[in-house]
Amino acid sequence: MITLPGMKSDMIANNLTPFEPTHPGELIRDELEARNLTQAKLAESIGVAPSLLNEIIKGKRGVNTEMALLMEAALNLPAELLLSLQSDYNMQMAKSDASFMKRLSSIRNIAALL
């Protein structure tokens, strides 16, 4: 978290949580568009089913370590960046799930009594 004297931490842009988290598939899609490369061609070149790549690009499936490394080899996108985006996306999605957050709160209350 970034702190600045005289500034509330929740008013610093780098400390804000995006309204809608960025799925790493969005970055892959943008890279494909910039290179005029089709999903089918990329899928073929990295040896995965086009449907798998499409699900990632649409945000319906996450990027795992192997896929991140494949994207790094094919598109020169750092695998660590893709995995970090995926982790941030997963965290934000979990925190936006009201029932899950209620469950966490209940667990924290129980743990506080132990």
N, C-alpha and C. Protein backbone atom coordinates (compact mmCIF):
# COMPACT_ATOMS: atom_id res chain seq x y z
N MET A 1 0.85 -1.17 0.00
CA MET A 1 0.00 0.00 0.00
C MET A 1 0.89 1.23 0.00
N ILE A 2 0.51 2.19 -0.80
CA ILE A 2 1.26 3.44 -0.90
C ILE A 2 0.71 4.42 0.12
N THR A 3 1.60 5.12 0.82
CA THR A 3 1.18 6.16 1.76
C THR A 3 1.87 7.46 1.40
N LEU A 4 1.14 8.53 1.53
CA LEU A 4 1.66 9.87 1.30
C LEU A 4 1.23 10.75 2.46
N PRO A 5 2.13 11.58 2.96
CA PRO A 5 1.77 12.46 4.08
C PRO A 5 0.58 13.35 3.71
N GLY A 6 -0.41 13.39 4.62
CA GLY A 6 -1.57 14.25 4.43
C GLY A 6 -2.59 13.72 3.42
N MET A 7 -2.40 12.52 2.92
CA MET A 7 -3.32 11.95 1.92
C MET A 7 -3.90 10.66 2.45
N LYS A 8 -5.23 10.53 2.39
CA LYS A 8 -5.86 9.27 2.79
C LYS A 8 -5.43 8.17 1.81
N SER A 9 -5.10 7.01 2.36
CA SER A 9 -4.61 5.93 1.50
C SER A 9 -5.66 5.47 0.49
N ASP A 10 -6.95 5.61 0.83
CA ASP A 10 -7.98 5.20 -0.11
C ASP A 10 -8.23 6.22 -1.22
N MET A 11 -7.48 7.31 -1.19
CA MET A 11 -7.60 8.33 -2.23
C MET A 11 -6.44 8.26 -3.22
N ILE A 12 -5.53 7.32 -3.04
CA ILE A 12 -4.38 7.16 -3.93
C ILE A 12 -4.74 6.12 -4.98
N ALA A 13 -4.61 6.49 -6.24
CA ALA A 13 -5.07 5.64 -7.34
C ALA A 13 -4.48 4.23 -7.29
N ASN A 14 -3.23 4.08 -6.94
CA ASN A 14 -2.61 2.76 -6.90
C ASN A 14 -3.16 1.88 -5.79
N ASN A 15 -3.87 2.45 -4.84
CA ASN A 15 -4.44 1.68 -3.74
C ASN A 15 -5.90 1.29 -4.00
N LEU A 16 -6.45 1.74 -5.11
CA LEU A 16 -7.85 1.47 -5.40
C LEU A 16 -8.02 0.08 -6.01
N THR A 17 -9.14 -0.54 -5.70
CA THR A 17 -9.50 -1.81 -6.31
C THR A 17 -10.36 -1.50 -7.53
N PRO A 18 -9.98 -2.02 -8.70
CA PRO A 18 -10.78 -1.75 -9.88
C PRO A 18 -12.22 -2.21 -9.70
N PHE A 19 -13.15 -1.47 -10.28
CA PHE A 19 -14.56 -1.84 -10.20
C PHE A 19 -14.76 -3.23 -10.79
N GLU A 20 -14.12 -3.46 -11.92
CA GLU A 20 -14.20 -4.75 -12.57
C GLU A 20 -12.78 -5.28 -12.75
N PRO A 21 -12.46 -6.41 -12.17
CA PRO A 21 -11.09 -6.92 -12.27
C PRO A 21 -10.71 -7.28 -13.70
N THR A 22 -9.43 -7.20 -14.00
CA THR A 22 -8.93 -7.52 -15.33
C THR A 22 -8.50 -8.97 -15.38
N HIS A 23 -9.15 -9.71 -16.24
CA HIS A 23 -8.79 -11.10 -16.46
C HIS A 23 -7.61 -11.12 -17.44
N PRO A 24 -6.63 -12.01 -17.23
CA PRO A 24 -5.48 -12.04 -18.14
C PRO A 24 -5.86 -12.32 -19.59
N GLY A 25 -7.01 -12.93 -19.80
CA GLY A 25 -7.49 -13.17 -21.17
C GLY A 25 -7.67 -11.88 -21.95
N GLU A 26 -8.00 -10.80 -21.24
CA GLU A 26 -8.15 -9.51 -21.92
C GLU A 26 -6.83 -9.05 -22.51
N LEU A 27 -5.76 -9.25 -21.76
CA LEU A 27 -4.43 -8.87 -22.24
C LEU A 27 -4.03 -9.72 -23.45
N ILE A 28 -4.33 -11.00 -23.38
CA ILE A 28 -4.02 -11.89 -24.51
C ILE A 28 -4.83 -11.48 -25.73
N ARG A 29 -6.11 -11.19 -25.54
CA ARG A 29 -6.95 -10.75 -26.66
C ARG A 29 -6.39 -9.47 -27.30
N ASP A 30 -6.02 -8.51 -26.45
CA ASP A 30 -5.47 -7.25 -26.97
C ASP A 30 -4.18 -7.49 -27.75
N GLU A 31 -3.36 -8.41 -27.26
CA GLU A 31 -2.10 -8.72 -27.94
C GLU A 31 -2.37 -9.37 -29.29
N LEU A 32 -3.34 -10.26 -29.34
CA LEU A 32 -3.70 -10.89 -30.62
C LEU A 32 -4.18 -9.84 -31.62
N GLU A 33 -5.03 -8.91 -31.16
CA GLU A 33 -5.53 -7.86 -32.05
C GLU A 33 -4.39 -6.99 -32.56
N ALA A 34 -3.47 -6.63 -31.68
CA ALA A 34 -2.35 -5.78 -32.07
C ALA A 34 -1.46 -6.46 -33.10
N ARG A 35 -1.40 -7.78 -33.05
CA ARG A 35 -0.54 -8.54 -33.98
C ARG A 35 -1.31 -9.07 -35.19
N ASN A 36 -2.61 -8.78 -35.27
CA ASN A 36 -3.45 -9.33 -36.34
C ASN A 36 -3.32 -10.85 -36.40
N LEU A 37 -3.37 -11.47 -35.23
CA LEU A 37 -3.23 -12.92 -35.10
C LEU A 37 -4.55 -13.49 -34.63
N THR A 38 -4.98 -14.58 -35.24
CA THR A 38 -6.25 -15.18 -34.83
C THR A 38 -6.04 -16.12 -33.64
N GLN A 39 -7.13 -16.34 -32.92
CA GLN A 39 -7.09 -17.29 -31.81
C GLN A 39 -6.73 -18.68 -32.32
N ALA A 40 -7.28 -19.04 -33.46
CA ALA A 40 -7.04 -20.37 -34.02
C ALA A 40 -5.56 -20.56 -34.35
N LYS A 41 -4.94 -19.54 -34.93
CA LYS A 41 -3.52 -19.63 -35.28
C LYS A 41 -2.65 -19.73 -34.03
N LEU A 42 -2.96 -18.93 -33.01
CA LEU A 42 -2.20 -19.00 -31.77
C LEU A 42 -2.38 -20.36 -31.11
N ALA A 43 -3.61 -20.83 -31.05
CA ALA A 43 -3.88 -22.13 -30.43
C ALA A 43 -3.10 -23.23 -31.14
N GLU A 44 -3.08 -23.19 -32.45
CA GLU A 44 -2.33 -24.18 -33.23
C GLU A 44 -0.83 -24.09 -32.93
N SER A 45 -0.33 -22.87 -32.86
CA SER A 45 1.12 -22.70 -32.67
C SER A 45 1.60 -23.14 -31.29
N ILE A 46 0.72 -23.08 -30.28
CA ILE A 46 1.13 -23.50 -28.93
C ILE A 46 0.61 -24.90 -28.58
N GLY A 47 -0.15 -25.50 -29.49
CA GLY A 47 -0.58 -26.88 -29.30
C GLY A 47 -1.72 -27.06 -28.31
N VAL A 48 -2.67 -26.12 -28.30
CA VAL A 48 -3.85 -26.28 -27.44
C VAL A 48 -5.10 -26.18 -28.31
N ALA A 49 -6.20 -26.67 -27.78
CA ALA A 49 -7.47 -26.60 -28.50
C ALA A 49 -7.91 -25.14 -28.61
N PRO A 50 -8.41 -24.75 -29.78
CA PRO A 50 -8.91 -23.38 -29.93
C PRO A 50 -9.99 -23.04 -28.90
N SER A 51 -10.80 -24.02 -28.53
CA SER A 51 -11.86 -23.77 -27.54
C SER A 51 -11.28 -23.41 -26.18
N LEU A 52 -10.15 -24.02 -25.81
CA LEU A 52 -9.50 -23.70 -24.54
C LEU A 52 -9.00 -22.26 -24.55
N LEU A 53 -8.33 -21.88 -25.61
CA LEU A 53 -7.83 -20.51 -25.72
C LEU A 53 -8.98 -19.51 -25.72
N ASN A 54 -10.06 -19.83 -26.42
CA ASN A 54 -11.22 -18.95 -26.46
C ASN A 54 -11.84 -18.75 -25.08
N GLU A 55 -11.91 -19.82 -24.29
CA GLU A 55 -12.46 -19.71 -22.94
C GLU A 55 -11.60 -18.81 -22.06
N ILE A 56 -10.28 -18.88 -22.23
CA ILE A 56 -9.39 -18.00 -21.47
C ILE A 56 -9.60 -16.56 -21.90
N ILE A 57 -9.63 -16.32 -23.20
CA ILE A 57 -9.78 -14.97 -23.71
C ILE A 57 -11.11 -14.36 -23.28
N LYS A 58 -12.15 -15.17 -23.19
CA LYS A 58 -13.46 -14.68 -22.75
C LYS A 58 -13.59 -14.60 -21.24
N GLY A 59 -12.54 -15.01 -20.51
CA GLY A 59 -12.58 -14.93 -19.05
C GLY A 59 -13.36 -16.05 -18.39
N LYS A 60 -13.66 -17.09 -19.13
CA LYS A 60 -14.42 -18.21 -18.58
C LYS A 60 -13.52 -19.26 -17.94
N ARG A 61 -12.22 -19.17 -18.22
CA ARG A 61 -11.25 -20.12 -17.69
C ARG A 61 -10.02 -19.32 -17.29
N GLY A 62 -9.37 -19.76 -16.24
CA GLY A 62 -8.19 -19.06 -15.75
C GLY A 62 -6.92 -19.47 -16.48
N VAL A 63 -5.89 -18.65 -16.29
CA VAL A 63 -4.57 -18.94 -16.83
C VAL A 63 -3.77 -19.67 -15.76
N ASN A 64 -3.30 -20.87 -16.08
CA ASN A 64 -2.45 -21.61 -15.15
C ASN A 64 -0.98 -21.40 -15.53
N THR A 65 -0.09 -21.98 -14.77
CA THR A 65 1.34 -21.78 -14.99
C THR A 65 1.77 -22.22 -16.39
N GLU A 66 1.31 -23.38 -16.82
CA GLU A 66 1.69 -23.88 -18.13
C GLU A 66 1.23 -22.95 -19.24
N MET A 67 -0.01 -22.49 -19.15
CA MET A 67 -0.54 -21.60 -20.18
C MET A 67 0.22 -20.27 -20.17
N ALA A 68 0.54 -19.77 -18.98
CA ALA A 68 1.31 -18.53 -18.89
C ALA A 68 2.66 -18.69 -19.57
N LEU A 69 3.30 -19.83 -19.37
CA LEU A 69 4.59 -20.07 -20.02
C LEU A 69 4.45 -20.20 -21.54
N LEU A 70 3.36 -20.82 -21.99
CA LEU A 70 3.10 -20.91 -23.42
C LEU A 70 2.89 -19.51 -24.03
N MET A 71 2.15 -18.66 -23.33
CA MET A 71 1.91 -17.30 -23.81
C MET A 71 3.21 -16.49 -23.83
N GLU A 72 4.05 -16.74 -22.83
CA GLU A 72 5.35 -16.05 -22.80
C GLU A 72 6.18 -16.45 -24.02
N ALA A 73 6.20 -17.74 -24.35
CA ALA A 73 6.98 -18.22 -25.49
C ALA A 73 6.41 -17.70 -26.81
N ALA A 74 5.09 -17.70 -26.93
CA ALA A 74 4.46 -17.34 -28.20
C ALA A 74 4.32 -15.83 -28.41
N LEU A 75 3.98 -15.10 -27.35
CA LEU A 75 3.66 -13.68 -27.49
C LEU A 75 4.63 -12.76 -26.76
N ASN A 76 5.58 -13.35 -26.06
CA ASN A 76 6.55 -12.57 -25.28
C ASN A 76 5.86 -11.77 -24.17
N LEU A 77 4.73 -12.30 -23.66
CA LEU A 77 4.08 -11.71 -22.49
C LEU A 77 4.67 -12.39 -21.27
N PRO A 78 5.20 -11.65 -20.32
CA PRO A 78 5.81 -12.30 -19.15
C PRO A 78 4.81 -13.21 -18.42
N ALA A 79 5.24 -14.45 -18.21
CA ALA A 79 4.39 -15.42 -17.51
C ALA A 79 4.01 -14.91 -16.13
N GLU A 80 4.95 -14.27 -15.45
CA GLU A 80 4.68 -13.75 -14.11
C GLU A 80 3.57 -12.70 -14.13
N LEU A 81 3.54 -11.89 -15.18
CA LEU A 81 2.49 -10.88 -15.30
C LEU A 81 1.13 -11.54 -15.44
N LEU A 82 1.04 -12.53 -16.31
CA LEU A 82 -0.24 -13.22 -16.51
C LEU A 82 -0.70 -13.92 -15.24
N LEU A 83 0.22 -14.55 -14.55
CA LEU A 83 -0.14 -15.23 -13.30
C LEU A 83 -0.53 -14.24 -12.22
N SER A 84 0.14 -13.11 -12.18
CA SER A 84 -0.21 -12.07 -11.21
C SER A 84 -1.61 -11.50 -11.50
N LEU A 85 -1.88 -11.25 -12.77
CA LEU A 85 -3.23 -10.79 -13.15
C LEU A 85 -4.28 -11.81 -12.75
N GLN A 86 -3.98 -13.09 -12.98
CA GLN A 86 -4.94 -14.15 -12.63
C GLN A 86 -5.17 -14.19 -11.14
N SER A 87 -4.09 -14.09 -10.37
CA SER A 87 -4.21 -14.11 -8.91
C SER A 87 -5.02 -12.92 -8.41
N ASP A 88 -4.73 -11.73 -8.94
CA ASP A 88 -5.49 -10.54 -8.56
C ASP A 88 -6.96 -10.68 -8.93
N TYR A 89 -7.21 -11.22 -10.13
CA TYR A 89 -8.59 -11.43 -10.59
C TYR A 89 -9.31 -12.39 -9.64
N ASN A 90 -8.67 -13.50 -9.30
CA ASN A 90 -9.29 -14.48 -8.41
C ASN A 90 -9.59 -13.87 -7.05
N MET A 91 -8.65 -13.08 -6.52
CA MET A 91 -8.84 -12.45 -5.21
C MET A 91 -10.01 -11.47 -5.25
N GLN A 92 -10.07 -10.65 -6.28
CA GLN A 92 -11.16 -9.68 -6.38
C GLN A 92 -12.51 -10.35 -6.56
N MET A 93 -12.53 -11.43 -7.32
CA MET A 93 -13.79 -12.14 -7.51
C MET A 93 -14.26 -12.76 -6.20
N ALA A 94 -13.34 -13.33 -5.43
CA ALA A 94 -13.70 -13.92 -4.14
C ALA A 94 -14.20 -12.84 -3.19
N LYS A 95 -13.53 -11.69 -3.17
CA LYS A 95 -13.93 -10.61 -2.26
C LYS A 95 -15.25 -9.97 -2.67
N SER A 96 -15.64 -10.12 -3.92
CA SER A 96 -16.91 -9.55 -4.35
C SER A 96 -18.07 -10.52 -4.18
N ASP A 97 -17.79 -11.73 -3.72
CA ASP A 97 -18.81 -12.75 -3.48
C ASP A 97 -19.34 -12.57 -2.06
N ALA A 98 -20.53 -12.01 -1.94
CA ALA A 98 -21.10 -11.66 -0.63
C ALA A 98 -21.24 -12.88 0.28
N SER A 99 -21.68 -14.01 -0.27
CA SER A 99 -21.86 -15.19 0.58
C SER A 99 -20.51 -15.72 1.08
N PHE A 100 -19.50 -15.65 0.24
CA PHE A 100 -18.17 -16.09 0.68
C PHE A 100 -17.62 -15.16 1.74
N MET A 101 -17.81 -13.86 1.57
CA MET A 101 -17.32 -12.89 2.54
C MET A 101 -18.04 -13.06 3.88
N LYS A 102 -19.33 -13.40 3.84
CA LYS A 102 -20.07 -13.67 5.06
C LYS A 102 -19.49 -14.90 5.76
N ARG A 103 -19.17 -15.90 4.98
CA ARG A 103 -18.55 -17.12 5.54
C ARG A 103 -17.21 -16.79 6.19
N LEU A 104 -16.39 -15.97 5.53
CA LEU A 104 -15.10 -15.57 6.11
C LEU A 104 -15.29 -14.81 7.42
N SER A 105 -16.26 -13.94 7.44
CA SER A 105 -16.54 -13.16 8.65
C SER A 105 -16.92 -14.09 9.80
N SER A 106 -17.74 -15.07 9.50
CA SER A 106 -18.15 -16.04 10.52
C SER A 106 -16.95 -16.81 11.05
N ILE A 107 -16.08 -17.23 10.15
CA ILE A 107 -14.87 -17.95 10.57
C ILE A 107 -13.98 -17.07 11.42
N ARG A 108 -13.83 -15.80 11.04
CA ARG A 108 -13.00 -14.89 11.81
C ARG A 108 -13.57 -14.68 13.20
N ASN A 109 -14.88 -14.61 13.30
CA ASN A 109 -15.52 -14.45 14.61
C ASN A 109 -15.27 -15.66 15.49
N ILE A 110 -15.36 -16.83 14.92
CA ILE A 110 -15.10 -18.06 15.67
C ILE A 110 -13.63 -18.12 16.09
N ALA A 111 -12.75 -17.79 15.16
CA ALA A 111 -11.30 -17.84 15.45
C ALA A 111 -10.93 -16.84 16.54
N ALA A 112 -11.63 -15.71 16.60
CA ALA A 112 -11.33 -14.69 17.61
C ALA A 112 -11.66 -15.19 19.01
N LEU A 113 -12.57 -16.13 19.11
CA LEU A 113 -12.97 -16.66 20.40
C LEU A 113 -12.04 -17.77 20.89
N LEU A 114 -11.23 -18.31 20.01
CA LEU A 114 -10.34 -19.41 20.39
C LEU A 114 -9.13 -18.94 21.15
